[in-house]
PDB file of N, CA and C in Angstrom:
ATOM      1  N   UNK A   1       0.628  -1.440  -0.026  1.00  0.00           N
ATOM      2  CA  UNK A   1      -0.263   0.058   0.052  1.00  0.00           C
ATOM      3  C   UNK A   1       0.857   1.182   0.475  1.00  0.00           C
ATOM      4  N   UNK A   2       0.417   2.017  -0.367  1.00  0.00           N
ATOM      5  CA  UNK A   2       1.272   3.574  -0.945  1.00  0.00           C
ATOM      6  C   UNK A   2       0.561   4.570  -0.687  1.00  0.00           C
ATOM      7  N   UNK A   3       0.430   5.787   0.278  1.00  0.00           N
ATOM      8  CA  UNK A   3       0.050   6.995   0.296  1.00  0.00           C
ATOM      9  C   UNK A   3       0.509   7.843  -0.820  1.00  0.00           C
ATOM     10  N   UNK A   4      -0.107   8.780  -1.192  1.00  0.00           N
ATOM     11  CA  UNK A   4       0.600   9.976  -2.287  1.00  0.00           C
ATOM     12  C   UNK A   4       0.356  11.211  -1.406  1.00  0.00           C
ATOM     13  N   UNK A   5       1.025  12.117  -1.898  1.00  0.00           N
ATOM     14  CA  UNK A   5       1.823  13.281  -1.270  1.00  0.00           C
ATOM     15  C   UNK A   5       0.507  14.066  -1.429  1.00  0.00           C
ATOM     16  N   UNK A   6       0.863  15.101  -0.255  1.00  0.00           N
ATOM     17  CA  UNK A   6      -0.619  16.299  -0.050  1.00  0.00           C
ATOM     18  C   UNK A   6      -0.646  17.493  -0.448  1.00  0.00           C
ATOM     19  N   UNK A   7      -1.797  17.522  -1.268  1.00  0.00           N
ATOM     20  CA  UNK A   7      -1.948  18.770  -1.533  1.00  0.00           C
ATOM     21  C   UNK A   7      -2.406  20.109  -1.176  1.00  0.00           C
ATOM     22  N   UNK A   8      -2.170  21.014  -0.057  1.00  0.00           N
ATOM     23  CA  UNK A   8      -3.044  21.694   0.600  1.00  0.00           C
ATOM     24  C   UNK A   8      -3.781  22.616  -0.588  1.00  0.00           C
ATOM     25  N   UNK A   9      -5.124  22.932   0.026  1.00  0.00           N
ATOM     26  CA  UNK A   9      -6.180  23.954  -0.524  1.00  0.00           C
ATOM     27  C   UNK A   9      -5.925  25.412   0.982  1.00  0.00           C
ATOM     28  N   UNK A  10      -5.484  26.146   0.003  1.00  0.00           N
ATOM     29  CA  UNK A  10      -5.825  27.590   0.968  1.00  0.00           C
ATOM     30  C   UNK A  10      -6.938  28.346   0.363  1.00  0.00           C
ATOM     31  N   UNK A  11      -7.543  28.756   0.762  1.00  0.00           N
ATOM     32  CA  UNK A  11      -8.892  30.082   0.968  1.00  0.00           C
ATOM     33  C   UNK A  11      -7.764  31.385   1.257  1.00  0.00           C
ATOM     34  N   UNK A  12      -8.167  31.562  -0.056  1.00  0.00           N
ATOM     35  CA  UNK A  12      -8.289  33.044  -1.004  1.00  0.00           C
ATOM     36  C   UNK A  12      -9.552  34.325  -1.135  1.00  0.00           C
ATOM     37  N   UNK A  13      -9.436  35.313  -1.708  1.00  0.00           N
ATOM     38  CA  UNK A  13     -10.270  36.338  -1.239  1.00  0.00           C
ATOM     39  C   UNK A  13     -10.289  37.053  -2.604  1.00  0.00           C
ATOM     40  N   UNK A  14      -9.290  37.693  -3.164  1.00  0.00           N
ATOM     41  CA  UNK A  14      -9.147  38.300  -4.165  1.00  0.00           C
ATOM     42  C   UNK A  14      -7.686  37.909  -4.845  1.00  0.00           C
ATOM     43  N   UNK A  15      -8.673  37.629  -6.623  1.00  0.00           N
ATOM     44  CA  UNK A  15      -7.675  36.467  -7.223  1.00  0.00           C
ATOM     45  C   UNK A  15      -6.427  37.697  -7.490  1.00  0.00           C
ATOM     46  N   UNK A  16      -6.671  39.139  -7.656  1.00  0.00           N
ATOM     47  CA  UNK A  16      -4.954  40.051  -7.743  1.00  0.00           C
ATOM     48  C   UNK A  16      -4.145  39.762  -7.005  1.00  0.00           C
ATOM     49  N   UNK A  17      -4.449  39.609  -5.818  1.00  0.00           N
ATOM     50  CA  UNK A  17      -3.692  39.688  -4.763  1.00  0.00           C
ATOM     51  C   UNK A  17      -3.121  38.271  -5.050  1.00  0.00           C
ATOM     52  N   UNK A  18      -3.671  37.684  -5.045  1.00  0.00           N
ATOM     53  CA  UNK A  18      -3.473  36.407  -4.645  1.00  0.00           C
ATOM     54  C   UNK A  18      -2.448  35.974  -5.720  1.00  0.00           C
ATOM     55  N   UNK A  19      -2.358  36.242  -6.747  1.00  0.00           N
ATOM     56  CA  UNK A  19      -1.493  35.756  -7.627  1.00  0.00           C
ATOM     57  C   UNK A  19      -0.289  37.066  -7.805  1.00  0.00           C
ATOM     58  N   UNK A  20      -0.678  38.119  -7.516  1.00  0.00           N
ATOM     59  CA  UNK A  20       0.487  39.087  -7.317  1.00  0.00           C
ATOM     60  C   UNK A  20       2.040  38.355  -5.386  1.00  0.00           C
ATOM     61  N   UNK A  21       0.733  38.047  -4.484  1.00  0.00           N
ATOM     62  CA  UNK A  21       1.736  36.933  -3.688  1.00  0.00           C
ATOM     63  C   UNK A  21       2.317  35.128  -4.420  1.00  0.00           C
ATOM     64  N   UNK A  22       1.219  34.579  -5.066  1.00  0.00           N
ATOM     65  CA  UNK A  22       1.720  33.531  -5.132  1.00  0.00           C
ATOM     66  C   UNK A  22       3.065  33.147  -6.303  1.00  0.00           C
ATOM     67  N   UNK A  23       2.433  34.135  -7.263  1.00  0.00           N
ATOM     68  CA  UNK A  23       3.041  34.071  -8.644  1.00  0.00           C
ATOM     69  C   UNK A  23       4.007  34.871  -8.791  1.00  0.00           C
ATOM     70  N   UNK A  24       3.687  36.511  -9.099  1.00  0.00           N
ATOM     71  CA  UNK A  24       4.900  37.673  -8.905  1.00  0.00           C
ATOM     72  C   UNK A  24       5.620  37.387  -7.550  1.00  0.00           C
ATOM     73  N   UNK A  25       5.706  37.406  -6.714  1.00  0.00           N
ATOM     74  CA  UNK A  25       6.268  37.273  -4.823  1.00  0.00           C
ATOM     75  C   UNK A  25       6.891  35.505  -4.818  1.00  0.00           C
ATOM     76  N   UNK A  26       6.167  34.728  -5.269  1.00  0.00           N
ATOM     77  CA  UNK A  26       6.361  33.536  -4.869  1.00  0.00           C
ATOM     78  C   UNK A  26       7.364  32.624  -6.237  1.00  0.00           C
ATOM     79  N   UNK A  27       6.849  33.234  -7.354  1.00  0.00           N
ATOM     80  CA  UNK A  27       7.463  32.491  -8.291  1.00  0.00           C
ATOM     81  C   UNK A  27       6.806  31.667  -8.759  1.00  0.00           C
ATOM     82  N   UNK A  28       6.015  30.704  -8.372  1.00  0.00           N
ATOM     83  CA  UNK A  28       4.877  29.894  -8.590  1.00  0.00           C
ATOM     84  C   UNK A  28       3.967  30.073  -9.638  1.00  0.00           C
ATOM     85  N   UNK A  29       3.974  29.240 -10.866  1.00  0.00           N
ATOM     86  CA  UNK A  29       2.906  29.299 -11.871  1.00  0.00           C
ATOM     87  C   UNK A  29       1.287  28.841 -11.533  1.00  0.00           C
ATOM     88  N   UNK A  30       1.115  29.122 -12.892  1.00  0.00           N
ATOM     89  CA  UNK A  30      -0.568  28.790 -12.828  1.00  0.00           C
ATOM     90  C   UNK A  30      -1.045  27.480 -13.658  1.00  0.00           C
ATOM     91  N   UNK A  31      -1.195  26.250 -12.995  1.00  0.00           N
ATOM     92  CA  UNK A  31      -1.415  25.037 -14.210  1.00  0.00           C
ATOM     93  C   UNK A  31      -2.900  24.579 -14.398  1.00  0.00           C
ATOM     94  N   UNK A  32      -3.529  25.267 -13.798  1.00  0.00           N
ATOM     95  CA  UNK A  32      -5.035  25.322 -14.417  1.00  0.00           C
ATOM     96  C   UNK A  32      -5.703  26.334 -13.550  1.00  0.00           C
ATOM     97  N   UNK A  33      -6.929  26.435 -13.590  1.00  0.00           N
ATOM     98  CA  UNK A  33      -8.102  27.687 -13.068  1.00  0.00           C
ATOM     99  C   UNK A  33      -9.309  26.922 -13.459  1.00  0.00           C
ATOM    100  N   UNK A  34     -10.465  27.227 -12.706  1.00  0.00           N
ATOM    101  CA  UNK A  34     -11.943  26.577 -12.699  1.00  0.00           C
ATOM    102  C   UNK A  34     -12.831  27.367 -12.033  1.00  0.00           C
ATOM    103  N   UNK A  35     -13.747  27.957 -12.932  1.00  0.00           N
ATOM    104  CA  UNK A  35     -14.761  28.403 -12.655  1.00  0.00           C
ATOM    105  C   UNK A  35     -16.029  27.651 -13.157  1.00  0.00           C
ATOM    106  N   UNK A  36     -17.050  27.136 -12.289  1.00  0.00           N
ATOM    107  CA  UNK A  36     -18.229  26.698 -13.114  1.00  0.00           C
ATOM    108  C   UNK A  36     -18.567  27.789 -14.104  1.00  0.00           C
ATOM    109  N   UNK A  37     -18.713  29.238 -14.074  1.00  0.00           N
ATOM    110  CA  UNK A  37     -19.276  30.004 -14.912  1.00  0.00           C
ATOM    111  C   UNK A  37     -18.867  31.700 -14.514  1.00  0.00           C
ATOM    112  N   UNK A  38     -18.935  32.573 -15.649  1.00  0.00           N
ATOM    113  CA  UNK A  38     -18.332  33.549 -15.242  1.00  0.00           C
ATOM    114  C   UNK A  38     -19.157  34.384 -13.854  1.00  0.00           C
ATOM    115  N   UNK A  39     -17.844  35.050 -13.427  1.00  0.00           N
ATOM    116  CA  UNK A  39     -18.836  35.988 -11.329  1.00  0.00           C
ATOM    117  C   UNK A  39     -18.270  34.764 -10.310  1.00  0.00           C
ATOM    118  N   UNK A  40     -18.211  33.397 -11.302  1.00  0.00           N
ATOM    119  CA  UNK A  40     -18.241  32.280  -9.773  1.00  0.00           C
ATOM    120  C   UNK A  40     -17.182  32.231  -9.129  1.00  0.00           C
ATOM    121  N   UNK A  41     -16.706  31.964  -7.906  1.00  0.00           N
ATOM    122  CA  UNK A  41     -15.446  31.920  -7.116  1.00  0.00           C
ATOM    123  C   UNK A  41     -14.690  30.821  -7.943  1.00  0.00           C
ATOM    124  N   UNK A  42     -13.485  31.179  -8.230  1.00  0.00           N
ATOM    125  CA  UNK A  42     -12.209  30.847  -8.741  1.00  0.00           C
ATOM    126  C   UNK A  42     -11.624  29.765  -8.118  1.00  0.00           C
ATOM    127  N   UNK A  43     -10.667  27.990  -8.530  1.00  0.00           N
ATOM    128  CA  UNK A  43     -10.494  27.493  -8.330  1.00  0.00           C
ATOM    129  C   UNK A  43      -9.327  27.167  -8.887  1.00  0.00           C
ATOM    130  N   UNK A  44      -7.388  27.534  -8.342  1.00  0.00           N
ATOM    131  CA  UNK A  44      -6.625  27.320  -8.826  1.00  0.00           C
ATOM    132  C   UNK A  44      -5.525  26.419  -8.345  1.00  0.00           C
ATOM    133  N   UNK A  45      -4.617  25.547  -9.549  1.00  0.00           N
ATOM    134  CA  UNK A  45      -3.713  24.389  -8.808  1.00  0.00           C
ATOM    135  C   UNK A  45      -2.422  25.649  -9.151  1.00  0.00           C
ATOM    136  N   UNK A  46      -1.034  25.512  -8.092  1.00  0.00           N
ATOM    137  CA  UNK A  46      -0.378  26.730  -8.592  1.00  0.00           C
ATOM    138  C   UNK A  46       0.668  25.454  -7.932  1.00  0.00           C
ATOM    139  N   UNK A  47       1.917  26.112  -9.093  1.00  0.00           N
ATOM    140  CA  UNK A  47       3.066  24.825  -8.350  1.00  0.00           C
ATOM    141  C   UNK A  47       4.036  25.785  -7.940  1.00  0.00           C
ATOM    142  N   UNK A  48       5.175  25.063  -8.220  1.00  0.00           N
ATOM    143  CA  UNK A  48       7.007  25.541  -7.600  1.00  0.00           C
ATOM    144  C   UNK A  48       7.562  24.133  -7.635  1.00  0.00           C
ATOM    145  N   UNK A  49       8.167  23.935  -9.020  1.00  0.00           N
ATOM    146  CA  UNK A  49       9.414  22.465  -8.589  1.00  0.00           C
ATOM    147  C   UNK A  49       8.152  21.421  -8.179  1.00  0.00           C
ATOM    148  N   UNK A  50       8.457  20.986  -6.788  1.00  0.00           N
ATOM    149  CA  UNK A  50       7.464  19.613  -6.398  1.00  0.00           C
ATOM    150  C   UNK A  50       6.391  20.249  -5.971  1.00  0.00           C
ATOM    151  N   UNK A  51       6.480  21.326  -5.678  1.00  0.00           N
ATOM    152  CA  UNK A  51       5.257  22.076  -4.595  1.00  0.00           C
ATOM    153  C   UNK A  51       4.030  22.154  -4.896  1.00  0.00           C
ATOM    154  N   UNK A  52       2.662  21.592  -4.955  1.00  0.00           N
ATOM    155  CA  UNK A  52       1.234  22.165  -5.610  1.00  0.00           C
ATOM    156  C   UNK A  52       1.016  22.104  -4.072  1.00  0.00           C
ATOM    157  N   UNK A  53       0.383  23.373  -4.942  1.00  0.00           N
ATOM    158  CA  UNK A  53      -1.569  24.458  -3.376  1.00  0.00           C
ATOM    159  C   UNK A  53      -2.295  24.819  -4.900  1.00  0.00           C
ATOM    160  N   UNK A  54      -3.540  24.785  -3.700  1.00  0.00           N
ATOM    161  CA  UNK A  54      -4.587  24.363  -4.805  1.00  0.00           C
ATOM    162  C   UNK A  54      -5.771  25.699  -3.897  1.00  0.00           C
ATOM    163  N   UNK A  55      -5.802  27.046  -4.582  1.00  0.00           N
ATOM    164  CA  UNK A  55      -5.827  28.279  -4.253  1.00  0.00           C
ATOM    165  C   UNK A  55      -7.583  28.180  -4.263  1.00  0.00           C
ATOM    166  N   UNK A  56      -8.730  28.528  -3.868  1.00  0.00           N
ATOM    167  CA  UNK A  56      -9.790  28.074  -3.292  1.00  0.00           C
ATOM    168  C   UNK A  56     -10.783  29.826  -2.724  1.00  0.00           C
ATOM    169  N   UNK A  57     -11.165  30.358  -4.138  1.00  0.00           N
ATOM    170  CA  UNK A  57     -12.795  30.948  -3.191  1.00  0.00           C
ATOM    171  C   UNK A  57     -13.225  31.162  -2.994  1.00  0.00           C
ATOM    172  N   UNK A  58     -13.790  29.685  -3.204  1.00  0.00           N
ATOM    173  CA  UNK A  58     -14.630  28.916  -2.362  1.00  0.00           C
ATOM    174  C   UNK A  58     -14.709  28.481  -0.935  1.00  0.00           C
ATOM    175  N   UNK A  59     -15.959  29.522  -0.459  1.00  0.00           N
ATOM    176  CA  UNK A  59     -15.708  29.665   1.119  1.00  0.00           C
ATOM    177  C   UNK A  59     -16.163  28.247   1.946  1.00  0.00           C
ATOM    178  N   UNK A  60     -16.495  27.504   0.887  1.00  0.00           N
ATOM    179  CA  UNK A  60     -16.900  26.161   1.444  1.00  0.00           C
ATOM    180  C   UNK A  60     -15.607  24.875   1.886  1.00  0.00           C
ATOM    181  N   UNK A  61     -14.605  25.152   0.861  1.00  0.00           N
ATOM    182  CA  UNK A  61     -13.699  24.501   0.560  1.00  0.00           C
ATOM    183  C   UNK A  61     -12.942  24.193   1.845  1.00  0.00           C
ATOM    184  N   UNK A  62     -12.285  25.847   2.548  1.00  0.00           N
ATOM    185  CA  UNK A  62     -11.530  25.875   3.722  1.00  0.00           C
ATOM    186  C   UNK A  62     -11.325  27.176   4.042  1.00  0.00           C
ATOM    187  N   UNK A  63     -11.333  26.879   5.321  1.00  0.00           N
ATOM    188  CA  UNK A  63     -11.389  28.217   6.071  1.00  0.00           C
ATOM    189  C   UNK A  63      -9.300  29.252   5.995  1.00  0.00           C
ATOM    190  N   UNK A  64      -9.508  30.056   6.031  1.00  0.00           N
ATOM    191  CA  UNK A  64      -8.774  30.998   5.755  1.00  0.00           C
ATOM    192  C   UNK A  64      -7.698  31.121   7.326  1.00  0.00           C
ATOM    193  N   UNK A  65      -6.239  31.444   6.853  1.00  0.00           N
ATOM    194  CA  UNK A  65      -5.508  30.670   8.289  1.00  0.00           C
ATOM    195  C   UNK A  65      -5.397  29.872   8.887  1.00  0.00           C
ATOM    196  N   UNK A  66      -4.558  29.159   7.245  1.00  0.00           N
ATOM    197  CA  UNK A  66      -4.428  27.460   7.092  1.00  0.00           C
ATOM    198  C   UNK A  66      -2.757  27.993   7.842  1.00  0.00           C
ATOM    199  N   UNK A  67      -2.129  27.027   7.638  1.00  0.00           N
ATOM    200  CA  UNK A  67      -0.181  26.625   8.175  1.00  0.00           C
ATOM    201  C   UNK A  67       0.005  25.349   7.488  1.00  0.00           C
ATOM    202  N   UNK A  68       0.666  25.921   6.220  1.00  0.00           N
ATOM    203  CA  UNK A  68       1.642  24.531   5.687  1.00  0.00           C
ATOM    204  C   UNK A  68       2.955  24.175   5.791  1.00  0.00           C
ATOM    205  N   UNK A  69       3.493  23.402   5.936  1.00  0.00           N
ATOM    206  CA  UNK A  69       5.377  23.201   6.069  1.00  0.00           C
ATOM    207  C   UNK A  69       5.939  23.027   4.256  1.00  0.00           C
ATOM    208  N   UNK A  70       6.776  23.499   4.235  1.00  0.00           N
ATOM    209  CA  UNK A  70       6.931  23.222   2.581  1.00  0.00           C
ATOM    210  C   UNK A  70       8.745  23.054   2.626  1.00  0.00           C
ATOM    211  N   UNK A  71       9.434  21.604   2.605  1.00  0.00           N
ATOM    212  CA  UNK A  71      10.658  21.807   2.424  1.00  0.00           C
ATOM    213  C   UNK A  71      11.568  22.469   1.196  1.00  0.00           C
ATOM    214  N   UNK A  72      12.833  23.092   1.313  1.00  0.00           N
ATOM    215  CA  UNK A  72      13.426  23.648   0.313  1.00  0.00           C
ATOM    216  C   UNK A  72      14.822  22.942   0.636  1.00  0.00           C
ATOM    217  N   UNK A  73      15.316  22.703  -0.466  1.00  0.00           N
ATOM    218  CA  UNK A  73      16.939  21.818  -0.139  1.00  0.00           C
ATOM    219  C   UNK A  73      18.154  23.225  -0.198  1.00  0.00           C
ATOM    220  N   UNK A  74      17.583  24.622  -0.584  1.00  0.00           N
ATOM    221  CA  UNK A  74      18.500  25.547  -0.121  1.00  0.00           C
ATOM    222  C   UNK A  74      17.590  26.929   0.198  1.00  0.00           C
ATOM    223  N   UNK A  75      17.186  27.177   2.042  1.00  0.00           N
ATOM    224  CA  UNK A  75      16.617  28.053   2.203  1.00  0.00           C
ATOM    225  C   UNK A  75      17.275  29.521   2.152  1.00  0.00           C
ATOM    226  N   UNK A  76      18.376  29.578   2.095  1.00  0.00           N
ATOM    227  CA  UNK A  76      18.709  31.094   1.982  1.00  0.00           C
ATOM    228  C   UNK A  76      18.809  31.918   0.740  1.00  0.00           C
ATOM    229  N   UNK A  77      18.848  30.832  -0.494  1.00  0.00           N
ATOM    230  CA  UNK A  77      18.802  30.781  -1.989  1.00  0.00           C
ATOM    231  C   UNK A  77      17.341  31.819  -2.079  1.00  0.00           C
ATOM    232  N   UNK A  78      16.367  30.793  -1.353  1.00  0.00           N
ATOM    233  CA  UNK A  78      15.344  31.179  -1.343  1.00  0.00           C
ATOM    234  C   UNK A  78      14.900  32.443  -1.080  1.00  0.00           C
ATOM    235  N   UNK A  79      15.069  32.580   0.803  1.00  0.00           N
ATOM    236  CA  UNK A  79      15.502  33.907   1.160  1.00  0.00           C
ATOM    237  C   UNK A  79      15.575  34.690   0.402  1.00  0.00           C
ATOM    238  N   UNK A  80      16.971  35.147  -0.026  1.00  0.00           N
ATOM    239  CA  UNK A  80      17.699  35.890  -1.094  1.00  0.00           C
ATOM    240  C   UNK A  80      16.989  36.349  -1.866  1.00  0.00           C
ATOM    241  N   UNK A  81      15.977  35.811  -2.824  1.00  0.00           N
ATOM    242  CA  UNK A  81      15.298  35.862  -3.574  1.00  0.00           C
ATOM    243  C   UNK A  81      13.995  36.546  -2.734  1.00  0.00           C
ATOM    244  N   UNK A  82      13.437  35.766  -2.380  1.00  0.00           N
ATOM    245  CA  UNK A  82      12.349  37.004  -1.848  1.00  0.00           C
ATOM    246  C   UNK A  82      11.912  38.215  -1.414  1.00  0.00           C
ATOM    247  N   UNK A  83      13.231  38.570  -0.723  1.00  0.00           N
ATOM    248  CA  UNK A  83      13.708  39.735   0.009  1.00  0.00           C
ATOM    249  C   UNK A  83      14.165  40.473  -1.266  1.00  0.00           C
ATOM    250  N   UNK A  84      14.519  39.944  -2.679  1.00  0.00           N
ATOM    251  CA  UNK A  84      15.539  40.727  -3.664  1.00  0.00           C
ATOM    252  C   UNK A  84      14.408  41.361  -4.190  1.00  0.00           C
ATOM    253  N   UNK A  85      12.699  40.771  -4.110  1.00  0.00           N
ATOM    254  CA  UNK A  85      11.888  41.091  -4.802  1.00  0.00           C
ATOM    255  C   UNK A  85      11.184  42.289  -4.368  1.00  0.00           C
ATOM    256  N   UNK A  86      11.698  43.080  -3.273  1.00  0.00           N
ATOM    257  CA  UNK A  86      11.146  44.167  -2.654  1.00  0.00           C
ATOM    258  C   UNK A  86       9.090  44.210  -2.581  1.00  0.00           C
ATOM    259  N   UNK A  87       8.810  42.884  -2.036  1.00  0.00           N
ATOM    260  CA  UNK A  87       7.615  43.362  -2.020  1.00  0.00           C
ATOM    261  C   UNK A  87       6.727  44.094  -1.014  1.00  0.00           C
ATOM    262  N   UNK A  88       6.151  44.484  -1.408  1.00  0.00           N
ATOM    263  CA  UNK A  88       5.338  45.381  -0.033  1.00  0.00           C
ATOM    264  C   UNK A  88       5.250  44.889   1.101  1.00  0.00           C
ATOM    265  N   UNK A  89       4.580  44.143   0.829  1.00  0.00           N
ATOM    266  CA  UNK A  89       4.157  43.324   1.905  1.00  0.00           C
ATOM    267  C   UNK A  89       4.544  41.964   2.800  1.00  0.00           C
ATOM    268  N   UNK A  90       5.789  41.966   3.014  1.00  0.00           N
ATOM    269  CA  UNK A  90       6.881  40.793   3.352  1.00  0.00           C
ATOM    270  C   UNK A  90       8.313  41.419   3.313  1.00  0.00           C
ATOM    271  N   UNK A  91       8.306  40.970   4.199  1.00  0.00           N
ATOM    272  CA  UNK A  91      10.570  40.804   4.491  1.00  0.00           C
ATOM    273  C   UNK A  91      10.471  39.668   5.065  1.00  0.00           C
ATOM    274  N   UNK A  92      10.550  38.206   4.561  1.00  0.00           N
ATOM    275  CA  UNK A  92      10.846  37.194   5.625  1.00  0.00           C
ATOM    276  C   UNK A  92      12.047  36.838   6.019  1.00  0.00           C
ATOM    277  N   UNK A  93      12.252  36.597   7.315  1.00  0.00           N
ATOM    278  CA  UNK A  93      13.732  35.914   7.568  1.00  0.00           C
ATOM    279  C   UNK A  93      13.659  34.666   7.850  1.00  0.00           C
ATOM    280  N   UNK A  94      15.096  34.444   8.398  1.00  0.00           N
ATOM    281  CA  UNK A  94      14.623  32.893   8.619  1.00  0.00           C
ATOM    282  C   UNK A  94      14.887  32.795  10.025  1.00  0.00           C
ATOM    283  N   UNK A  95      14.390  32.175  10.765  1.00  0.00           N
ATOM    284  CA  UNK A  95      14.795  31.884  12.334  1.00  0.00           C
ATOM    285  C   UNK A  95      15.072  30.063  12.295  1.00  0.00           C
ATOM    286  N   UNK A  96      16.085  30.070  13.333  1.00  0.00           N
ATOM    287  CA  UNK A  96      16.322  28.538  14.239  1.00  0.00           C
ATOM    288  C   UNK A  96      15.314  28.707  15.134  1.00  0.00           C
ATOM    289  N   UNK A  97      14.864  26.662  14.909  1.00  0.00           N
ATOM    290  CA  UNK A  97      13.957  26.699  15.544  1.00  0.00           C
ATOM    291  C   UNK A  97      14.372  26.064  16.772  1.00  0.00           C
ATOM    292  N   UNK A  98      13.942  25.546  18.322  1.00  0.00           N
ATOM    293  CA  UNK A  98      14.083  25.142  19.769  1.00  0.00           C
ATOM    294  C   UNK A  98      14.695  23.894  18.672  1.00  0.00           C
ATOM    295  N   UNK A  99      14.019  22.893  18.051  1.00  0.00           N
ATOM    296  CA  UNK A  99      13.680  21.730  17.642  1.00  0.00           C
ATOM    297  C   UNK A  99      14.690  21.626  16.226  1.00  0.00           C
ATOM    298  N   UNK A 100      15.376  22.367  16.061  1.00  0.00           N
ATOM    299  CA  UNK A 100      16.715  21.867  15.307  1.00  0.00           C
ATOM    300  C   UNK A 100      16.555  22.101  14.001  1.00  0.00           C
ATOM    301  N   UNK A 101      15.384  22.582  13.208  1.00  0.00           N
ATOM    302  CA  UNK A 101      14.448  23.114  12.249  1.00  0.00           C
ATOM    303  C   UNK A 101      15.295  24.843  11.750  1.00  0.00           C
ATOM    304  N   UNK A 102      15.658  25.132  10.642  1.00  0.00           N
ATOM    305  CA  UNK A 102      15.361  26.379  10.528  1.00  0.00           C
ATOM    306  C   UNK A 102      14.589  26.711   9.135  1.00  0.00           C
ATOM    307  N   UNK A 103      13.453  27.875   9.273  1.00  0.00           N
ATOM    308  CA  UNK A 103      12.787  27.550   8.864  1.00  0.00           C
ATOM    309  C   UNK A 103      12.227  29.378   8.471  1.00  0.00           C
ATOM    310  N   UNK A 104      11.462  29.631   7.843  1.00  0.00           N
ATOM    311  CA  UNK A 104      11.567  31.141   6.437  1.00  0.00           C
ATOM    312  C   UNK A 104       9.254  30.902   6.883  1.00  0.00           C
ATOM    313  N   UNK A 105       8.707  31.413   7.626  1.00  0.00           N
ATOM    314  CA  UNK A 105       7.729  31.913   7.275  1.00  0.00           C
ATOM    315  C   UNK A 105       7.251  33.281   6.830  1.00  0.00           C
ATOM    316  N   UNK A 106       5.926  33.409   6.017  1.00  0.00           N
ATOM    317  CA  UNK A 106       5.518  33.799   4.866  1.00  0.00           C
ATOM    318  C   UNK A 106       3.860  33.885   5.576  1.00  0.00           C
ATOM    319  N   UNK A 107       3.587  34.886   5.445  1.00  0.00           N
ATOM    320  CA  UNK A 107       1.540  34.868   5.157  1.00  0.00           C
ATOM    321  C   UNK A 107       1.181  35.514   4.052  1.00  0.00           C
ATOM    322  N   UNK A 108       0.293  34.787   3.825  1.00  0.00           N
ATOM    323  CA  UNK A 108      -0.144  34.907   2.536  1.00  0.00           C
ATOM    324  C   UNK A 108      -1.092  36.865   2.601  1.00  0.00           C
ATOM    325  N   UNK A 109      -1.870  37.391   2.026  1.00  0.00           N
ATOM    326  CA  UNK A 109      -3.187  38.206   2.050  1.00  0.00           C
ATOM    327  C   UNK A 109      -3.807  37.483   2.569  1.00  0.00           C
ATOM    328  N   UNK A 110      -4.144  36.723   2.989  1.00  0.00           N
ATOM    329  CA  UNK A 110      -5.246  35.676   3.398  1.00  0.00           C
ATOM    330  C   UNK A 110      -5.336  35.356   4.422  1.00  0.00           C
ATOM    331  N   UNK A 111      -4.395  35.417   5.618  1.00  0.00           N
ATOM    332  CA  UNK A 111      -3.805  35.339   6.783  1.00  0.00           C
ATOM    333  C   UNK A 111      -3.542  33.679   6.559  1.00  0.00           C
ATOM    334  N   UNK A 112      -3.219  32.803   5.329  1.00  0.00           N
ATOM    335  CA  UNK A 112      -2.362  31.771   5.117  1.00  0.00           C
ATOM    336  C   UNK A 112      -0.787  32.098   5.598  1.00  0.00           C
ATOM    337  N   UNK A 113      -0.093  30.867   6.601  1.00  0.00           N
ATOM    338  CA  UNK A 113       0.820  30.838   6.809  1.00  0.00           C
ATOM    339  C   UNK A 113       1.556  29.815   5.658  1.00  0.00           C
ATOM    340  N   UNK A 114       2.905  29.853   4.861  1.00  0.00           N
ATOM    341  CA  UNK A 114       3.623  29.128   4.289  1.00  0.00           C
ATOM    342  C   UNK A 114       4.944  29.038   4.966  1.00  0.00           C
ATOM    343  N   UNK A 115       5.230  27.806   5.594  1.00  0.00           N
ATOM    344  CA  UNK A 115       6.844  27.816   6.396  1.00  0.00           C
ATOM    345  C   UNK A 115       7.088  26.973   5.660  1.00  0.00           C
ATOM    346  N   UNK A 116       8.475  27.411   5.347  1.00  0.00           N
ATOM    347  CA  UNK A 116       9.307  27.120   4.426  1.00  0.00           C
ATOM    348  C   UNK A 116      10.473  26.502   5.089  1.00  0.00           C
ATOM    349  N   UNK A 117      10.476  24.839   4.453  1.00  0.00           N
ATOM    350  CA  UNK A 117      11.743  24.725   5.937  1.00  0.00           C
ATOM    351  C   UNK A 117      12.720  23.920   5.349  1.00  0.00           C
ATOM    352  N   UNK A 118      14.211  24.042   5.696  1.00  0.00           N
ATOM    353  CA  UNK A 118      14.865  23.855   5.138  1.00  0.00           C
ATOM    354  C   UNK A 118      15.145  22.328   5.671  1.00  0.00           C
ATOM    355  N   UNK A 119      15.434  21.848   4.181  1.00  0.00           N
ATOM    356  CA  UNK A 119      15.590  20.543   3.965  1.00  0.00           C
ATOM    357  C   UNK A 119      16.512  19.345   4.708  1.00  0.00           C
ATOM    358  N   UNK A 120      17.812  20.510   4.900  1.00  0.00           N
ATOM    359  CA  UNK A 120      19.550  20.196   5.608  1.00  0.00           C
ATOM    360  C   UNK A 120      18.993  20.308   6.943  1.00  0.00           C
ATOM    361  N   UNK A 121      18.125  20.521   7.633  1.00  0.00           N
ATOM    362  CA  UNK A 121      18.218  20.716   8.369  1.00  0.00           C
ATOM    363  C   UNK A 121      18.383  19.286   9.706  1.00  0.00           C
ATOM    364  N   UNK A 122      18.564  19.590  10.626  1.00  0.00           N
ATOM    365  CA  UNK A 122      19.628  17.773  11.506  1.00  0.00           C
ATOM    366  C   UNK A 122      17.960  16.881  11.712  1.00  0.00           C
ATOM    367  N   UNK A 123      16.692  17.301  12.006  1.00  0.00           N
ATOM    368  CA  UNK A 123      15.802  16.977  12.298  1.00  0.00           C
ATOM    369  C   UNK A 123      14.866  16.290  10.825  1.00  0.00           C
ATOM    370  N   UNK A 124      15.231  17.712  10.066  1.00  0.00           N
ATOM    371  CA  UNK A 124      14.283  16.888   8.703  1.00  0.00           C
ATOM    372  C   UNK A 124      14.295  15.266   8.770  1.00  0.00           C
ATOM    373  N   UNK A 125      12.790  14.751   8.382  1.00  0.00           N
ATOM    374  CA  UNK A 125      12.651  13.084   7.959  1.00  0.00           C
ATOM    375  C   UNK A 125      12.842  13.179   6.768  1.00  0.00           C
ATOM    376  N   UNK A 126      13.668  11.517   6.632  1.00  0.00           N
ATOM    377  CA  UNK A 126      14.353  10.978   5.091  1.00  0.00           C
ATOM    378  C   UNK A 126      13.336  11.039   4.254  1.00  0.00           C
TER     379      UNK A 126
END
């Protein structure tokens, strides 16, 4: 038996703000978008490398304020990339956590927290 990877669904409220954050700032790409018809809520998939997220304007899909942990093999490079963009709403920093990981947390415009974790940290599971 095998269990597959997880694709979190994060609540969004404003398509332009979501795309400015996830596409322009974080560097994700839109894989696909869906609306049942014009004027109805947006549901889309974004990805960067092997990280896939679903973003939904549908209020029944999920609650705002979620947190997801995303491993990266070069946290320092990601940190430099993001801070080099001079995004007006976030200047994330790297923290050494008491449990042994190095992490960089970023909140999206909808209070969802994305925690990028250094995959080289001593306590990172194989």
